[in-house]
Amino acid sequence: MAYRLRPAHVNDLPDILAITNQAIAETDALWISTPMTLEQRHDWLMERQKNHFPVLVVVDKNETILGFGSYGPFRAYEGYKNTVEHSIYVTPSAQGHGLGRLLLEGLIDEARRQKLHVMIGAITGGNIASIRLHEKCGFLHGGLLPETGTKNGQWLDLILMYLKI
């Protein structure tokens, strides 16, 4: 099946919200427990667009949104202005078909176009699929921060991976 990337639009937000809330409810990829609202996702998209950060969606031939990815500031201080942190989410039924890689490569291309210097992925310690994806795209291991956060009463490790653009 053919998939393609395109910039996200406001009318994509219900699908982006559904993917986000599934990840919140069923995974430890997002270290929050409260589902997001459409208004929160709207504000996030507007903020990303205002600051010229990409929000990409991957769609199938029927224009069904199967995943999304974006990047934004790594830290708020001016010394980090050329470093971004990204996030990628793919709906469970579409995982394992290369869509995460398509999204990540699209974000890397955008970062190169914007002449950024480093892209960071912050990955939950047990997420082997995400770690392997990042390795395949050239990311290096930057460090392990043990028991950095919690979700559902469990301490979670954070793995930082980076790519020099």
C-alpha atoms as a PDB file:
ATOM      1  CA  MET A   1       0.000   0.000   0.000  1.00  0.00           C
ATOM      2  CA  ALA A   2       1.258   3.492  -0.824  1.00  0.00           C
ATOM      3  CA  TYR A   3       1.703   5.986   2.009  1.00  0.00           C
ATOM      4  CA  ARG A   4       2.669   9.613   1.862  1.00  0.00           C
ATOM      5  CA  LEU A   5       3.551  12.465   4.161  1.00  0.00           C
ATOM      6  CA  ARG A   6       1.906  15.846   4.183  1.00  0.00           C
ATOM      7  CA  PRO A   7       1.695  18.801   6.539  1.00  0.00           C
ATOM      8  CA  ALA A   8      -1.064  18.550   9.126  1.00  0.00           C
ATOM      9  CA  HIS A   9      -4.110  20.802   8.864  1.00  0.00           C
ATOM     10  CA  VAL A  10      -6.619  21.901  11.475  1.00  0.00           C
ATOM     11  CA  ASN A  11      -9.176  19.409  10.140  1.00  0.00           C
ATOM     12  CA  ASP A  12      -6.668  16.593  10.914  1.00  0.00           C
ATOM     13  CA  LEU A  13      -6.806  17.342  14.631  1.00  0.00           C
ATOM     14  CA  PRO A  14      -9.552  14.842  15.565  1.00  0.00           C
ATOM     15  CA  ASP A  15      -7.422  12.019  14.114  1.00  0.00           C
ATOM     16  CA  ILE A  16      -4.240  13.365  15.727  1.00  0.00           C
ATOM     17  CA  LEU A  17      -6.121  13.605  19.020  1.00  0.00           C
ATOM     18  CA  ALA A  18      -7.348  10.015  18.740  1.00  0.00           C
ATOM     19  CA  ILE A  19      -3.808   8.727  18.100  1.00  0.00           C
ATOM     20  CA  THR A  20      -2.460  10.831  20.975  1.00  0.00           C
ATOM     21  CA  ASN A  21      -5.104   9.664  23.422  1.00  0.00           C
ATOM     22  CA  GLN A  22      -4.615   6.029  22.433  1.00  0.00           C
ATOM     23  CA  ALA A  23      -0.910   6.400  23.201  1.00  0.00           C
ATOM     24  CA  ILE A  24      -1.721   8.020  26.556  1.00  0.00           C
ATOM     25  CA  ALA A  25      -4.200   5.286  27.503  1.00  0.00           C
ATOM     26  CA  GLU A  26      -2.376   2.212  26.234  1.00  0.00           C
ATOM     27  CA  THR A  27       1.371   2.921  26.216  1.00  0.00           C
ATOM     28  CA  ASP A  28       4.072   4.535  28.286  1.00  0.00           C
ATOM     29  CA  ALA A  29       5.313   6.635  25.358  1.00  0.00           C
ATOM     30  CA  LEU A  30       3.661   9.728  26.860  1.00  0.00           C
ATOM     31  CA  TRP A  31       4.205  10.103  30.587  1.00  0.00           C
ATOM     32  CA  ILE A  32       0.769  11.545  31.293  1.00  0.00           C
ATOM     33  CA  SER A  33      -2.474   9.874  32.307  1.00  0.00           C
ATOM     34  CA  THR A  34      -5.105  12.474  31.443  1.00  0.00           C
ATOM     35  CA  PRO A  35      -6.412  12.383  27.864  1.00  0.00           C
ATOM     36  CA  MET A  36      -5.834  15.534  25.852  1.00  0.00           C
ATOM     37  CA  THR A  37      -8.647  17.679  24.538  1.00  0.00           C
ATOM     38  CA  LEU A  38      -9.221  18.919  21.028  1.00  0.00           C
ATOM     39  CA  GLU A  39      -8.558  22.444  22.270  1.00  0.00           C
ATOM     40  CA  GLN A  40      -5.150  21.403  23.636  1.00  0.00           C
ATOM     41  CA  ARG A  41      -4.197  19.762  20.352  1.00  0.00           C
ATOM     42  CA  HIS A  42      -5.434  22.841  18.475  1.00  0.00           C
ATOM     43  CA  ASP A  43      -3.292  25.150  20.611  1.00  0.00           C
ATOM     44  CA  TRP A  44      -0.305  22.813  20.107  1.00  0.00           C
ATOM     45  CA  LEU A  45      -0.717  22.857  16.313  1.00  0.00           C
ATOM     46  CA  MET A  46      -1.104  26.653  16.231  1.00  0.00           C
ATOM     47  CA  GLU A  47       2.007  27.073  18.394  1.00  0.00           C
ATOM     48  CA  ARG A  48       4.025  24.722  16.173  1.00  0.00           C
ATOM     49  CA  GLN A  49       2.922  26.500  13.019  1.00  0.00           C
ATOM     50  CA  LYS A  50       3.576  29.946  14.512  1.00  0.00           C
ATOM     51  CA  ASN A  51       7.139  28.902  15.366  1.00  0.00           C
ATOM     52  CA  HIS A  52       7.747  27.213  11.984  1.00  0.00           C
ATOM     53  CA  PHE A  53       7.984  23.719  13.448  1.00  0.00           C
ATOM     54  CA  PRO A  54       6.608  20.962  11.211  1.00  0.00           C
ATOM     55  CA  VAL A  55       3.674  18.743  12.060  1.00  0.00           C
ATOM     56  CA  LEU A  56       3.514  15.942   9.509  1.00  0.00           C
ATOM     57  CA  VAL A  57       0.868  13.284   9.047  1.00  0.00           C
ATOM     58  CA  VAL A  58       1.237  10.015   7.179  1.00  0.00           C
ATOM     59  CA  VAL A  59      -1.814   9.027   5.142  1.00  0.00           C
ATOM     60  CA  ASP A  60      -2.853   6.062   3.029  1.00  0.00           C
ATOM     61  CA  LYS A  61      -4.351   6.230  -0.464  1.00  0.00           C
ATOM     62  CA  ASN A  62      -7.760   7.069   1.068  1.00  0.00           C
ATOM     63  CA  GLU A  63      -6.251  10.001   3.003  1.00  0.00           C
ATOM     64  CA  THR A  64      -6.757   8.172   6.303  1.00  0.00           C
ATOM     65  CA  ILE A  65      -4.319   9.506   8.882  1.00  0.00           C
ATOM     66  CA  LEU A  66      -2.238   6.640  10.267  1.00  0.00           C
ATOM     67  CA  GLY A  67       0.295   8.618  12.281  1.00  0.00           C
ATOM     68  CA  PHE A  68       1.874  11.965  12.911  1.00  0.00           C
ATOM     69  CA  GLY A  69       5.195  13.458  13.900  1.00  0.00           C
ATOM     70  CA  SER A  70       6.540  16.815  14.903  1.00  0.00           C
ATOM     71  CA  TYR A  71       9.434  18.548  16.544  1.00  0.00           C
ATOM     72  CA  GLY A  72       9.769  21.555  18.745  1.00  0.00           C
ATOM     73  CA  PRO A  73      12.231  23.191  21.083  1.00  0.00           C
ATOM     74  CA  PHE A  74      14.468  20.937  23.146  1.00  0.00           C
ATOM     75  CA  ARG A  75      14.870  23.521  25.872  1.00  0.00           C
ATOM     76  CA  ALA A  76      13.665  27.118  26.135  1.00  0.00           C
ATOM     77  CA  TYR A  77      17.070  28.808  26.397  1.00  0.00           C
ATOM     78  CA  GLU A  78      18.555  30.581  23.381  1.00  0.00           C
ATOM     79  CA  GLY A  79      21.681  28.420  23.416  1.00  0.00           C
ATOM     80  CA  TYR A  80      19.507  25.466  22.352  1.00  0.00           C
ATOM     81  CA  LYS A  81      17.838  27.238  19.397  1.00  0.00           C
ATOM     82  CA  ASN A  82      19.412  24.847  16.870  1.00  0.00           C
ATOM     83  CA  THR A  83      18.419  21.694  18.759  1.00  0.00           C
ATOM     84  CA  VAL A  84      14.946  20.167  18.566  1.00  0.00           C
ATOM     85  CA  GLU A  85      13.153  17.256  20.194  1.00  0.00           C
ATOM     86  CA  HIS A  86      10.795  15.188  18.091  1.00  0.00           C
ATOM     87  CA  SER A  87       7.822  12.903  18.672  1.00  0.00           C
ATOM     88  CA  ILE A  88       6.293  10.270  16.407  1.00  0.00           C
ATOM     89  CA  TYR A  89       3.075   8.310  16.911  1.00  0.00           C
ATOM     90  CA  VAL A  90       1.537   5.683  14.651  1.00  0.00           C
ATOM     91  CA  THR A  91      -1.877   4.136  15.189  1.00  0.00           C
ATOM     92  CA  PRO A  92      -1.494   0.535  16.445  1.00  0.00           C
ATOM     93  CA  SER A  93      -3.122  -1.061  13.387  1.00  0.00           C
ATOM     94  CA  ALA A  94      -0.529   0.582  11.114  1.00  0.00           C
ATOM     95  CA  GLN A  95       2.588  -0.137  13.179  1.00  0.00           C
ATOM     96  CA  GLY A  96       5.273  -2.352  11.681  1.00  0.00           C
ATOM     97  CA  HIS A  97       4.805  -1.065   8.120  1.00  0.00           C
ATOM     98  CA  GLY A  98       7.605   1.514   8.021  1.00  0.00           C
ATOM     99  CA  LEU A  99       5.415   4.520   8.814  1.00  0.00           C
ATOM    100  CA  GLY A 100       7.459   5.558  11.840  1.00  0.00           C
ATOM    101  CA  ARG A 101      10.562   5.601   9.664  1.00  0.00           C
ATOM    102  CA  LEU A 102       8.749   7.585   6.966  1.00  0.00           C
ATOM    103  CA  LEU A 103       7.720  10.168   9.568  1.00  0.00           C
ATOM    104  CA  LEU A 104      11.156  10.322  11.190  1.00  0.00           C
ATOM    105  CA  GLU A 105      12.928  10.712   7.845  1.00  0.00           C
ATOM    106  CA  GLY A 106      10.450  13.451   6.907  1.00  0.00           C
ATOM    107  CA  LEU A 107      11.216  15.308  10.136  1.00  0.00           C
ATOM    108  CA  ILE A 108      14.961  14.910   9.556  1.00  0.00           C
ATOM    109  CA  ASP A 109      14.540  16.370   6.053  1.00  0.00           C
ATOM    110  CA  GLU A 110      12.638  19.342   7.525  1.00  0.00           C
ATOM    111  CA  ALA A 111      15.351  19.874  10.149  1.00  0.00           C
ATOM    112  CA  ARG A 112      18.004  19.880   7.421  1.00  0.00           C
ATOM    113  CA  ARG A 113      15.958  22.359   5.404  1.00  0.00           C
ATOM    114  CA  GLN A 114      15.736  24.598   8.472  1.00  0.00           C
ATOM    115  CA  LYS A 115      19.502  24.211   9.016  1.00  0.00           C
ATOM    116  CA  LEU A 116      19.087  22.831  12.515  1.00  0.00           C
ATOM    117  CA  HIS A 117      22.050  21.160  14.194  1.00  0.00           C
ATOM    118  CA  VAL A 118      20.792  18.346  16.455  1.00  0.00           C
ATOM    119  CA  MET A 119      17.567  16.354  16.748  1.00  0.00           C
ATOM    120  CA  ILE A 120      16.833  14.547  19.997  1.00  0.00           C
ATOM    121  CA  GLY A 121      14.551  11.622  20.691  1.00  0.00           C
ATOM    122  CA  ALA A 122      13.511  11.010  24.307  1.00  0.00           C
ATOM    123  CA  ILE A 123      12.402   7.368  24.465  1.00  0.00           C
ATOM    124  CA  THR A 124      10.924   5.310  27.266  1.00  0.00           C
ATOM    125  CA  GLY A 125      13.501   2.729  28.345  1.00  0.00           C
ATOM    126  CA  GLY A 126      11.604  -0.395  27.290  1.00  0.00           C
ATOM    127  CA  ASN A 127      10.538   0.861  23.855  1.00  0.00           C
ATOM    128  CA  ILE A 128      12.833  -1.380  21.799  1.00  0.00           C
ATOM    129  CA  ALA A 129      11.004  -0.689  18.509  1.00  0.00           C
ATOM    130  CA  SER A 130      11.566   3.056  18.863  1.00  0.00           C
ATOM    131  CA  ILE A 131      15.216   2.584  19.837  1.00  0.00           C
ATOM    132  CA  ARG A 132      15.806   0.376  16.769  1.00  0.00           C
ATOM    133  CA  LEU A 133      14.005   2.859  14.502  1.00  0.00           C
ATOM    134  CA  HIS A 134      16.239   5.663  15.708  1.00  0.00           C
ATOM    135  CA  GLU A 135      19.371   3.547  15.270  1.00  0.00           C
ATOM    136  CA  LYS A 136      18.336   2.717  11.684  1.00  0.00           C
ATOM    137  CA  CYS A 137      17.969   6.449  10.986  1.00  0.00           C
ATOM    138  CA  GLY A 138      21.457   7.202  12.300  1.00  0.00           C
ATOM    139  CA  PHE A 139      20.667   8.336  15.836  1.00  0.00           C
ATOM    140  CA  LEU A 140      23.271   7.646  18.501  1.00  0.00           C
ATOM    141  CA  HIS A 141      22.717   6.837  22.162  1.00  0.00           C
ATOM    142  CA  GLY A 142      23.199   9.947  24.271  1.00  0.00           C
ATOM    143  CA  GLY A 143      22.456   8.514  27.667  1.00  0.00           C
ATOM    144  CA  LEU A 144      20.155   6.743  30.051  1.00  0.00           C
ATOM    145  CA  LEU A 145      18.344   8.605  32.820  1.00  0.00           C
ATOM    146  CA  PRO A 146      17.069   5.914  35.191  1.00  0.00           C
ATOM    147  CA  GLU A 147      13.730   6.261  36.943  1.00  0.00           C
ATOM    148  CA  THR A 148      13.220   9.759  35.584  1.00  0.00           C
ATOM    149  CA  GLY A 149       9.414   9.670  35.635  1.00  0.00           C
ATOM    150  CA  THR A 150       6.406   7.558  36.474  1.00  0.00           C
ATOM    151  CA  LYS A 151       3.253   6.304  34.878  1.00  0.00           C
ATOM    152  CA  ASN A 152       0.682   3.946  36.341  1.00  0.00           C
ATOM    153  CA  GLY A 153       2.733   3.651  39.514  1.00  0.00           C
ATOM    154  CA  GLN A 154       5.856   2.426  37.685  1.00  0.00           C
ATOM    155  CA  TRP A 155       9.194   4.207  37.510  1.00  0.00           C
ATOM    156  CA  LEU A 156      10.304   4.747  33.913  1.00  0.00           C
ATOM    157  CA  ASP A 157      13.769   5.152  32.461  1.00  0.00           C
ATOM    158  CA  LEU A 158      14.422   7.742  29.776  1.00  0.00           C
ATOM    159  CA  ILE A 159      16.817   7.070  26.903  1.00  0.00           C
ATOM    160  CA  LEU A 160      18.119  10.062  25.000  1.00  0.00           C
ATOM    161  CA  MET A 161      19.172   9.545  21.388  1.00  0.00           C
ATOM    162  CA  TYR A 162      20.508  12.217  19.075  1.00  0.00           C
ATOM    163  CA  LEU A 163      21.301  12.880  15.449  1.00  0.00           C
ATOM    164  CA  LYS A 164      23.635  15.580  14.235  1.00  0.00           C
ATOM    165  CA  ILE A 165      21.825  17.028  11.264  1.00  0.00           C
END
